[in-house]
Amino acid sequence: MEKKRLIVSMDNLPEGVTEAIRKKYPNGYADYVIKVPKGNNDFFYAITVDTESASYLVKVNVKIDSVVESDDKDSVDDDIEIDPDDESLAEDPADIDDLDD
């Protein structure tokens, strides 16, 4: 007899599936989340777990951190401290490269 294949939300888990998840992922499931395509250019994230009677694809909520990348030319390092008395920082116009070249 073949097992049922079910897709279920983490919020609506049947009895016993939570314990199966704890056994399969004792240190958490963050490294085992998969991206599942739904068809219409949409997708969801899930983990897999099996019980005696069924194989589950359990939908999980995923928060993805997005990082905005910038050009090195445009970035500013706020941690740099400038000593206003340091004479080596005095600008000599002859030392400045023309950025329009």
PDB file of N, CA and C in Angstrom:
ATOM      1  N   MET A   1       0.836  -1.182   0.000  1.00  0.00           N
ATOM      2  CA  MET A   1       0.000   0.000   0.000  1.00  0.00           C
ATOM      3  C   MET A   1       0.881   1.245   0.000  1.00  0.00           C
ATOM      4  N   GLU A   2       0.640   2.130  -0.943  1.00  0.00           N
ATOM      5  CA  GLU A   2       1.416   3.356  -1.077  1.00  0.00           C
ATOM      6  C   GLU A   2       0.930   4.417  -0.089  1.00  0.00           C
ATOM      7  N   LYS A   3       1.882   5.185   0.469  1.00  0.00           N
ATOM      8  CA  LYS A   3       1.533   6.247   1.416  1.00  0.00           C
ATOM      9  C   LYS A   3       0.831   7.394   0.699  1.00  0.00           C
ATOM     10  N   LYS A   4      -0.031   8.079   1.422  1.00  0.00           N
ATOM     11  CA  LYS A   4      -0.651   9.297   0.914  1.00  0.00           C
ATOM     12  C   LYS A   4       0.423  10.369   0.842  1.00  0.00           C
ATOM     13  N   ARG A   5       0.305  11.257  -0.105  1.00  0.00           N
ATOM     14  CA  ARG A   5       1.174  12.423  -0.218  1.00  0.00           C
ATOM     15  C   ARG A   5       0.308  13.646   0.039  1.00  0.00           C
ATOM     16  N   LEU A   6       0.644  14.386   1.082  1.00  0.00           N
ATOM     17  CA  LEU A   6      -0.183  15.509   1.489  1.00  0.00           C
ATOM     18  C   LEU A   6       0.645  16.782   1.624  1.00  0.00           C
ATOM     19  N   ILE A   7       0.027  17.901   1.282  1.00  0.00           N
ATOM     20  CA  ILE A   7       0.616  19.210   1.509  1.00  0.00           C
ATOM     21  C   ILE A   7      -0.228  19.869   2.586  1.00  0.00           C
ATOM     22  N   VAL A   8       0.443  20.324   3.638  1.00  0.00           N
ATOM     23  CA  VAL A   8      -0.280  20.915   4.761  1.00  0.00           C
ATOM     24  C   VAL A   8       0.532  22.083   5.325  1.00  0.00           C
ATOM     25  N   SER A   9      -0.173  23.078   5.832  1.00  0.00           N
ATOM     26  CA  SER A   9       0.472  24.226   6.449  1.00  0.00           C
ATOM     27  C   SER A   9       0.971  23.857   7.842  1.00  0.00           C
ATOM     28  N   MET A  10       2.040  24.502   8.275  1.00  0.00           N
ATOM     29  CA  MET A  10       2.566  24.279   9.619  1.00  0.00           C
ATOM     30  C   MET A  10       1.491  24.586  10.670  1.00  0.00           C
ATOM     31  N   ASP A  11       0.579  25.501  10.348  1.00  0.00           N
ATOM     32  CA  ASP A  11      -0.483  25.884  11.278  1.00  0.00           C
ATOM     33  C   ASP A  11      -1.587  24.832  11.401  1.00  0.00           C
ATOM     34  N   ASN A  12      -1.676  23.902  10.442  1.00  0.00           N
ATOM     35  CA  ASN A  12      -2.764  22.915  10.418  1.00  0.00           C
ATOM     36  C   ASN A  12      -2.262  21.472  10.435  1.00  0.00           C
ATOM     37  N   LEU A  13      -1.219  21.216  11.198  1.00  0.00           N
ATOM     38  CA  LEU A  13      -0.641  19.874  11.206  1.00  0.00           C
ATOM     39  C   LEU A  13      -1.558  18.863  11.893  1.00  0.00           C
ATOM     40  N   PRO A  14      -1.722  17.696  11.286  1.00  0.00           N
ATOM     41  CA  PRO A  14      -2.473  16.628  11.946  1.00  0.00           C
ATOM     42  C   PRO A  14      -1.712  16.120  13.171  1.00  0.00           C
ATOM     43  N   GLU A  15      -2.426  15.456  14.021  1.00  0.00           N
ATOM     44  CA  GLU A  15      -1.835  14.906  15.242  1.00  0.00           C
ATOM     45  C   GLU A  15      -0.690  13.954  14.898  1.00  0.00           C
ATOM     46  N   GLY A  16       0.418  14.067  15.594  1.00  0.00           N
ATOM     47  CA  GLY A  16       1.555  13.185  15.387  1.00  0.00           C
ATOM     48  C   GLY A  16       2.602  13.728  14.435  1.00  0.00           C
ATOM     49  N   VAL A  17       2.232  14.641  13.555  1.00  0.00           N
ATOM     50  CA  VAL A  17       3.186  15.157  12.577  1.00  0.00           C
ATOM     51  C   VAL A  17       4.189  16.099  13.246  1.00  0.00           C
ATOM     52  N   THR A  18       3.735  16.848  14.230  1.00  0.00           N
ATOM     53  CA  THR A  18       4.646  17.731  14.958  1.00  0.00           C
ATOM     54  C   THR A  18       5.767  16.938  15.610  1.00  0.00           C
ATOM     55  N   GLU A  19       5.433  15.818  16.218  1.00  0.00           N
ATOM     56  CA  GLU A  19       6.442  14.958  16.851  1.00  0.00           C
ATOM     57  C   GLU A  19       7.385  14.364  15.801  1.00  0.00           C
ATOM     58  N   ALA A  20       6.862  14.013  14.637  1.00  0.00           N
ATOM     59  CA  ALA A  20       7.703  13.487  13.554  1.00  0.00           C
ATOM     60  C   ALA A  20       8.692  14.551  13.080  1.00  0.00           C
ATOM     61  N   ILE A  21       8.255  15.810  13.058  1.00  0.00           N
ATOM     62  CA  ILE A  21       9.150  16.905  12.672  1.00  0.00           C
ATOM     63  C   ILE A  21      10.247  17.072  13.715  1.00  0.00           C
ATOM     64  N   ARG A  22       9.877  17.012  14.986  1.00  0.00           N
ATOM     65  CA  ARG A  22      10.875  17.146  16.058  1.00  0.00           C
ATOM     66  C   ARG A  22      11.918  16.032  16.001  1.00  0.00           C
ATOM     67  N   LYS A  23      11.483  14.826  15.655  1.00  0.00           N
ATOM     68  CA  LYS A  23      12.424  13.699  15.566  1.00  0.00           C
ATOM     69  C   LYS A  23      13.346  13.838  14.356  1.00  0.00           C
ATOM     70  N   LYS A  24      12.787  14.251  13.218  1.00  0.00           N
ATOM     71  CA  LYS A  24      13.584  14.351  11.992  1.00  0.00           C
ATOM     72  C   LYS A  24      14.540  15.547  12.032  1.00  0.00           C
ATOM     73  N   TYR A  25      14.123  16.635  12.656  1.00  0.00           N
ATOM     74  CA  TYR A  25      14.919  17.862  12.695  1.00  0.00           C
ATOM     75  C   TYR A  25      15.154  18.298  14.143  1.00  0.00           C
ATOM     76  N   PRO A  26      15.933  17.540  14.916  1.00  0.00           N
ATOM     77  CA  PRO A  26      16.127  17.869  16.333  1.00  0.00           C
ATOM     78  C   PRO A  26      16.845  19.206  16.551  1.00  0.00           C
ATOM     79  N   ASN A  27      17.623  19.642  15.587  1.00  0.00           N
ATOM     80  CA  ASN A  27      18.346  20.908  15.702  1.00  0.00           C
ATOM     81  C   ASN A  27      17.693  22.018  14.874  1.00  0.00           C
ATOM     82  N   GLY A  28      16.456  21.820  14.459  1.00  0.00           N
ATOM     83  CA  GLY A  28      15.751  22.801  13.641  1.00  0.00           C
ATOM     84  C   GLY A  28      15.802  22.434  12.170  1.00  0.00           C
ATOM     85  N   TYR A  29      14.885  23.002  11.412  1.00  0.00           N
ATOM     86  CA  TYR A  29      14.770  22.649   9.998  1.00  0.00           C
ATOM     87  C   TYR A  29      15.205  23.774   9.058  1.00  0.00           C
ATOM     88  N   ALA A  30      15.791  24.840   9.567  1.00  0.00           N
ATOM     89  CA  ALA A  30      16.165  25.994   8.734  1.00  0.00           C
ATOM     90  C   ALA A  30      17.043  25.606   7.543  1.00  0.00           C
ATOM     91  N   ASP A  31      17.935  24.657   7.715  1.00  0.00           N
ATOM     92  CA  ASP A  31      18.831  24.256   6.622  1.00  0.00           C
ATOM     93  C   ASP A  31      18.193  23.264   5.652  1.00  0.00           C
ATOM     94  N   TYR A  32      16.961  22.866   5.896  1.00  0.00           N
ATOM     95  CA  TYR A  32      16.316  21.842   5.081  1.00  0.00           C
ATOM     96  C   TYR A  32      15.084  22.351   4.339  1.00  0.00           C
ATOM     97  N   VAL A  33      14.842  23.645   4.397  1.00  0.00           N
ATOM     98  CA  VAL A  33      13.683  24.230   3.723  1.00  0.00           C
ATOM     99  C   VAL A  33      13.928  24.214   2.220  1.00  0.00           C
ATOM    100  N   ILE A  34      12.898  23.805   1.480  1.00  0.00           N
ATOM    101  CA  ILE A  34      12.998  23.766   0.021  1.00  0.00           C
ATOM    102  C   ILE A  34      11.972  24.736  -0.575  1.00  0.00           C
ATOM    103  N   LYS A  35      12.284  25.214  -1.767  1.00  0.00           N
ATOM    104  CA  LYS A  35      11.384  26.099  -2.496  1.00  0.00           C
ATOM    105  C   LYS A  35      10.573  25.243  -3.457  1.00  0.00           C
ATOM    106  N   VAL A  36       9.245  25.307  -3.340  1.00  0.00           N
ATOM    107  CA  VAL A  36       8.372  24.462  -4.144  1.00  0.00           C
ATOM    108  C   VAL A  36       7.586  25.330  -5.130  1.00  0.00           C
ATOM    109  N   PRO A  37       7.788  25.138  -6.433  1.00  0.00           N
ATOM    110  CA  PRO A  37       7.027  25.922  -7.414  1.00  0.00           C
ATOM    111  C   PRO A  37       5.567  25.474  -7.467  1.00  0.00           C
ATOM    112  N   LYS A  38       4.659  26.452  -7.611  1.00  0.00           N
ATOM    113  CA  LYS A  38       3.231  26.143  -7.673  1.00  0.00           C
ATOM    114  C   LYS A  38       2.691  26.174  -9.092  1.00  0.00           C
ATOM    115  N   GLY A  39       3.449  26.668 -10.020  1.00  0.00           N
ATOM    116  CA  GLY A  39       2.958  26.726 -11.390  1.00  0.00           C
ATOM    117  C   GLY A  39       2.931  28.148 -11.906  1.00  0.00           C
ATOM    118  N   ASN A  40       1.942  28.886 -11.589  1.00  0.00           N
ATOM    119  CA  ASN A  40       1.700  30.226 -12.120  1.00  0.00           C
ATOM    120  C   ASN A  40       2.768  31.241 -11.671  1.00  0.00           C
ATOM    121  N   ASN A  41       4.038  30.880 -11.822  1.00  0.00           N
ATOM    122  CA  ASN A  41       5.175  31.710 -11.399  1.00  0.00           C
ATOM    123  C   ASN A  41       5.135  32.054  -9.916  1.00  0.00           C
ATOM    124  N   ASP A  42       4.493  31.225  -9.129  1.00  0.00           N
ATOM    125  CA  ASP A  42       4.411  31.403  -7.687  1.00  0.00           C
ATOM    126  C   ASP A  42       5.089  30.212  -7.018  1.00  0.00           C
ATOM    127  N   PHE A  43       5.362  30.321  -5.740  1.00  0.00           N
ATOM    128  CA  PHE A  43       6.029  29.232  -5.030  1.00  0.00           C
ATOM    129  C   PHE A  43       5.729  29.341  -3.545  1.00  0.00           C
ATOM    130  N   PHE A  44       6.117  28.305  -2.804  1.00  0.00           N
ATOM    131  CA  PHE A  44       6.066  28.343  -1.346  1.00  0.00           C
ATOM    132  C   PHE A  44       7.270  27.575  -0.824  1.00  0.00           C
ATOM    133  N   TYR A  45       7.550  27.736   0.467  1.00  0.00           N
ATOM    134  CA  TYR A  45       8.657  27.032   1.094  1.00  0.00           C
ATOM    135  C   TYR A  45       8.104  25.925   1.973  1.00  0.00           C
ATOM    136  N   ALA A  46       8.828  24.807   2.043  1.00  0.00           N
ATOM    137  CA  ALA A  46       8.323  23.654   2.787  1.00  0.00           C
ATOM    138  C   ALA A  46       9.465  22.774   3.284  1.00  0.00           C
ATOM    139  N   ILE A  47       9.105  21.890   4.192  1.00  0.00           N
ATOM    140  CA  ILE A  47       9.999  20.825   4.640  1.00  0.00           C
ATOM    141  C   ILE A  47       9.271  19.512   4.405  1.00  0.00           C
ATOM    142  N   THR A  48      10.005  18.418   4.397  1.00  0.00           N
ATOM    143  CA  THR A  48       9.385  17.115   4.206  1.00  0.00           C
ATOM    144  C   THR A  48       9.449  16.320   5.504  1.00  0.00           C
ATOM    145  N   VAL A  49       8.448  15.507   5.718  1.00  0.00           N
ATOM    146  CA  VAL A  49       8.434  14.606   6.873  1.00  0.00           C
ATOM    147  C   VAL A  49       7.499  13.442   6.548  1.00  0.00           C
ATOM    148  N   ASP A  50       7.865  12.271   7.043  1.00  0.00           N
ATOM    149  CA  ASP A  50       7.058  11.068   6.817  1.00  0.00           C
ATOM    150  C   ASP A  50       6.527  10.521   8.135  1.00  0.00           C
ATOM    151  N   THR A  51       5.319   9.997   8.080  1.00  0.00           N
ATOM    152  CA  THR A  51       4.761   9.226   9.185  1.00  0.00           C
ATOM    153  C   THR A  51       4.475   7.833   8.625  1.00  0.00           C
ATOM    154  N   GLU A  52       3.937   6.968   9.440  1.00  0.00           N
ATOM    155  CA  GLU A  52       3.625   5.616   8.958  1.00  0.00           C
ATOM    156  C   GLU A  52       2.584   5.624   7.849  1.00  0.00           C
ATOM    157  N   SER A  53       1.674   6.584   7.898  1.00  0.00           N
ATOM    158  CA  SER A  53       0.568   6.573   6.944  1.00  0.00           C
ATOM    159  C   SER A  53       0.694   7.562   5.791  1.00  0.00           C
ATOM    160  N   ALA A  54       1.604   8.580   5.913  1.00  0.00           N
ATOM    161  CA  ALA A  54       1.648   9.603   4.869  1.00  0.00           C
ATOM    162  C   ALA A  54       3.017  10.264   4.773  1.00  0.00           C
ATOM    163  N   SER A  55       3.262  10.828   3.590  1.00  0.00           N
ATOM    164  CA  SER A  55       4.424  11.678   3.357  1.00  0.00           C
ATOM    165  C   SER A  55       3.906  13.105   3.257  1.00  0.00           C
ATOM    166  N   TYR A  56       4.470  13.982   4.084  1.00  0.00           N
ATOM    167  CA  TYR A  56       3.980  15.352   4.151  1.00  0.00           C
ATOM    168  C   TYR A  56       4.970  16.331   3.552  1.00  0.00           C
ATOM    169  N   LEU A  57       4.426  17.310   2.867  1.00  0.00           N
ATOM    170  CA  LEU A  57       5.148  18.491   2.458  1.00  0.00           C
ATOM    171  C   LEU A  57       4.525  19.589   3.321  1.00  0.00           C
ATOM    172  N   VAL A  58       5.293  20.058   4.298  1.00  0.00           N
ATOM    173  CA  VAL A  58       4.761  20.994   5.292  1.00  0.00           C
ATOM    174  C   VAL A  58       5.192  22.410   4.930  1.00  0.00           C
ATOM    175  N   LYS A  59       4.206  23.268   4.621  1.00  0.00           N
ATOM    176  CA  LYS A  59       4.481  24.656   4.288  1.00  0.00           C
ATOM    177  C   LYS A  59       4.975  25.387   5.526  1.00  0.00           C
ATOM    178  N   VAL A  60       6.072  26.124   5.355  1.00  0.00           N
ATOM    179  CA  VAL A  60       6.629  26.899   6.468  1.00  0.00           C
ATOM    180  C   VAL A  60       6.783  28.356   6.040  1.00  0.00           C
ATOM    181  N   ASN A  61       6.704  29.243   7.005  1.00  0.00           N
ATOM    182  CA  ASN A  61       6.924  30.658   6.739  1.00  0.00           C
ATOM    183  C   ASN A  61       8.417  30.923   6.747  1.00  0.00           C
ATOM    184  N   VAL A  62       8.874  31.679   5.777  1.00  0.00           N
ATOM    185  CA  VAL A  62      10.295  31.991   5.654  1.00  0.00           C
ATOM    186  C   VAL A  62      10.447  33.495   5.571  1.00  0.00           C
ATOM    187  N   LYS A  63      11.335  34.022   6.396  1.00  0.00           N
ATOM    188  CA  LYS A  63      11.657  35.439   6.333  1.00  0.00           C
ATOM    189  C   LYS A  63      13.031  35.548   5.703  1.00  0.00           C
ATOM    190  N   ILE A  64      13.108  36.253   4.601  1.00  0.00           N
ATOM    191  CA  ILE A  64      14.357  36.400   3.875  1.00  0.00           C
ATOM    192  C   ILE A  64      14.869  37.813   4.071  1.00  0.00           C
ATOM    193  N   ASP A  65      16.104  37.924   4.545  1.00  0.00           N
ATOM    194  CA  ASP A  65      16.730  39.229   4.690  1.00  0.00           C
ATOM    195  C   ASP A  65      17.212  39.677   3.324  1.00  0.00           C
ATOM    196  N   SER A  66      16.890  40.907   2.976  1.00  0.00           N
ATOM    197  CA  SER A  66      17.384  41.427   1.708  1.00  0.00           C
ATOM    198  C   SER A  66      18.444  42.472   1.999  1.00  0.00           C
ATOM    199  N   VAL A  67      19.518  42.396   1.250  1.00  0.00           N
ATOM    200  CA  VAL A  67      20.645  43.306   1.426  1.00  0.00           C
ATOM    201  C   VAL A  67      20.740  44.161   0.178  1.00  0.00           C
ATOM    202  N   VAL A  68      20.809  45.441   0.384  1.00  0.00           N
ATOM    203  CA  VAL A  68      20.973  46.348  -0.736  1.00  0.00           C
ATOM    204  C   VAL A  68      22.460  46.521  -0.963  1.00  0.00           C
ATOM    205  N   GLU A  69      22.892  46.146  -2.158  1.00  0.00           N
ATOM    206  CA  GLU A  69      24.308  46.263  -2.484  1.00  0.00           C
ATOM    207  C   GLU A  69      24.553  47.621  -3.119  1.00  0.00           C
ATOM    208  N   SER A  70      25.689  48.199  -2.799  1.00  0.00           N
ATOM    209  CA  SER A  70      26.024  49.492  -3.378  1.00  0.00           C
ATOM    210  C   SER A  70      27.413  49.436  -3.989  1.00  0.00           C
ATOM    211  N   ASP A  71      27.673  50.386  -4.862  1.00  0.00           N
ATOM    212  CA  ASP A  71      29.005  50.516  -5.444  1.00  0.00           C
ATOM    213  C   ASP A  71      29.968  50.989  -4.381  1.00  0.00           C
ATOM    214  N   ASP A  72      31.201  50.527  -4.425  1.00  0.00           N
ATOM    215  CA  ASP A  72      32.206  50.987  -3.472  1.00  0.00           C
ATOM    216  C   ASP A  72      32.414  52.496  -3.573  1.00  0.00           C
ATOM    217  N   LYS A  73      32.253  53.056  -4.776  1.00  0.00           N
ATOM    218  CA  LYS A  73      32.443  54.490  -4.967  1.00  0.00           C
ATOM    219  C   LYS A  73      31.401  55.293  -4.198  1.00  0.00           C
ATOM    220  N   ASP A  74      30.211  54.729  -4.025  1.00  0.00           N
ATOM    221  CA  ASP A  74      29.120  55.454  -3.398  1.00  0.00           C
ATOM    222  C   ASP A  74      28.994  55.174  -1.908  1.00  0.00           C
ATOM    223  N   SER A  75      29.741  54.206  -1.389  1.00  0.00           N
ATOM    224  CA  SER A  75      29.571  53.847   0.006  1.00  0.00           C
ATOM    225  C   SER A  75      30.339  54.799   0.913  1.00  0.00           C
ATOM    226  N   VAL A  76      29.822  54.972   2.099  1.00  0.00           N
ATOM    227  CA  VAL A  76      30.438  55.846   3.092  1.00  0.00           C
ATOM    228  C   VAL A  76      30.672  55.021   4.340  1.00  0.00           C
ATOM    229  N   ASP A  77      31.872  55.121   4.886  1.00  0.00           N
ATOM    230  CA  ASP A  77      32.192  54.402   6.107  1.00  0.00           C
ATOM    231  C   ASP A  77      32.015  55.357   7.278  1.00  0.00           C
ATOM    232  N   ASP A  78      30.944  55.185   8.054  1.00  0.00           N
ATOM    233  CA  ASP A  78      30.646  56.078   9.158  1.00  0.00           C
ATOM    234  C   ASP A  78      31.579  55.871  10.343  1.00  0.00           C
ATOM    235  N   ASP A  79      32.369  54.813  10.335  1.00  0.00           N
ATOM    236  CA  ASP A  79      33.247  54.517  11.461  1.00  0.00           C
ATOM    237  C   ASP A  79      34.585  55.243  11.379  1.00  0.00           C
ATOM    238  N   ILE A  80      34.853  55.922  10.291  1.00  0.00           N
ATOM    239  CA  ILE A  80      36.124  56.614  10.124  1.00  0.00           C
ATOM    240  C   ILE A  80      36.079  57.923  10.895  1.00  0.00           C
ATOM    241  N   GLU A  81      37.084  58.125  11.726  1.00  0.00           N
ATOM    242  CA  GLU A  81      37.197  59.376  12.463  1.00  0.00           C
ATOM    243  C   GLU A  81      38.352  60.175  11.871  1.00  0.00           C
ATOM    244  N   ILE A  82      38.118  61.457  11.652  1.00  0.00           N
ATOM    245  CA  ILE A  82      39.136  62.313  11.057  1.00  0.00           C
ATOM    246  C   ILE A  82      39.573  63.329  12.091  1.00  0.00           C
ATOM    247  N   ASP A  83      40.888  63.442  12.260  1.00  0.00           N
ATOM    248  CA  ASP A  83      41.467  64.428  13.172  1.00  0.00           C
ATOM    249  C   ASP A  83      41.610  65.735  12.405  1.00  0.00           C
ATOM    250  N   PRO A  84      40.856  66.781  12.785  1.00  0.00           N
ATOM    251  CA  PRO A  84      40.925  68.033  12.029  1.00  0.00           C
ATOM    252  C   PRO A  84      42.290  68.710  12.116  1.00  0.00           C
ATOM    253  N   ASP A  85      43.121  68.341  13.085  1.00  0.00           N
ATOM    254  CA  ASP A  85      44.443  68.950  13.236  1.00  0.00           C
ATOM    255  C   ASP A  85      45.524  68.223  12.437  1.00  0.00           C
ATOM    256  N   ASP A  86      45.171  67.104  11.795  1.00  0.00           N
ATOM    257  CA  ASP A  86      46.142  66.327  11.018  1.00  0.00           C
ATOM    258  C   ASP A  86      46.420  67.062   9.712  1.00  0.00           C
ATOM    259  N   GLU A  87      47.646  67.591   9.569  1.00  0.00           N
ATOM    260  CA  GLU A  87      47.990  68.381   8.390  1.00  0.00           C
ATOM    261  C   GLU A  87      48.112  67.531   7.132  1.00  0.00           C
ATOM    262  N   SER A  88      48.252  66.225   7.279  1.00  0.00           N
ATOM    263  CA  SER A  88      48.366  65.374   6.093  1.00  0.00           C
ATOM    264  C   SER A  88      47.049  65.286   5.341  1.00  0.00           C
ATOM    265  N   LEU A  89      45.975  65.746   5.980  1.00  0.00           N
ATOM    266  CA  LEU A  89      44.675  65.708   5.326  1.00  0.00           C
ATOM    267  C   LEU A  89      44.365  66.989   4.563  1.00  0.00           C
ATOM    268  N   ALA A  90      45.252  67.963   4.637  1.00  0.00           N
ATOM    269  CA  ALA A  90      45.020  69.214   3.919  1.00  0.00           C
ATOM    270  C   ALA A  90      44.996  68.924   2.431  1.00  0.00           C
ATOM    271  N   GLU A  91      43.969  69.422   1.759  1.00  0.00           N
ATOM    272  CA  GLU A  91      43.812  69.134   0.331  1.00  0.00           C
ATOM    273  C   GLU A  91      44.671  70.057  -0.509  1.00  0.00           C
ATOM    274  N   ASP A  92      45.386  69.473  -1.395  1.00  0.00           N
ATOM    275  CA  ASP A  92      46.118  70.224  -2.400  1.00  0.00           C
ATOM    276  C   ASP A  92      45.400  69.955  -3.715  1.00  0.00           C
ATOM    277  N   PRO A  93      44.829  70.984  -4.335  1.00  0.00           N
ATOM    278  CA  PRO A  93      44.058  70.756  -5.572  1.00  0.00           C
ATOM    279  C   PRO A  93      44.834  69.998  -6.639  1.00  0.00           C
ATOM    280  N   ALA A  94      46.144  70.062  -6.629  1.00  0.00           N
ATOM    281  CA  ALA A  94      46.943  69.344  -7.620  1.00  0.00           C
ATOM    282  C   ALA A  94      46.909  67.838  -7.380  1.00  0.00           C
ATOM    283  N   ASP A  95      46.592  67.403  -6.143  1.00  0.00           N
ATOM    284  CA  ASP A  95      46.562  65.986  -5.809  1.00  0.00           C
ATOM    285  C   ASP A  95      45.227  65.320  -6.117  1.00  0.00           C
ATOM    286  N   ILE A  96      44.209  66.091  -6.420  1.00  0.00           N
ATOM    287  CA  ILE A  96      42.868  65.539  -6.633  1.00  0.00           C
ATOM    288  C   ILE A  96      42.734  65.143  -8.099  1.00  0.00           C
ATOM    289  N   ASP A  97      42.338  63.882  -8.329  1.00  0.00           N
ATOM    290  CA  ASP A  97      42.122  63.392  -9.688  1.00  0.00           C
ATOM    291  C   ASP A  97      40.832  63.971 -10.228  1.00  0.00           C
ATOM    292  N   ASP A  98      40.822  64.266 -11.499  1.00  0.00           N
ATOM    293  CA  ASP A  98      39.616  64.749 -12.158  1.00  0.00           C
ATOM    294  C   ASP A  98      38.733  63.543 -12.436  1.00  0.00           C
ATOM    295  N   LEU A  99      37.545  63.490 -11.865  1.00  0.00           N
ATOM    296  CA  LEU A  99      36.651  62.343 -12.027  1.00  0.00           C
ATOM    297  C   LEU A  99      35.959  62.308 -13.376  1.00  0.00           C
ATOM    298  N   ASP A 100      36.024  63.405 -14.129  1.00  0.00           N
ATOM    299  CA  ASP A 100      35.355  63.443 -15.423  1.00  0.00           C
ATOM    300  C   ASP A 100      36.162  62.789 -16.527  1.00  0.00           C
ATOM    301  N   ASP A 101      37.390  62.376 -16.259  1.00  0.00           N
ATOM    302  CA  ASP A 101      38.245  61.790 -17.304  1.00  0.00           C
ATOM    303  C   ASP A 101      37.736  60.468 -17.748  1.00  0.00           C
TER     304      ASP A 101
END
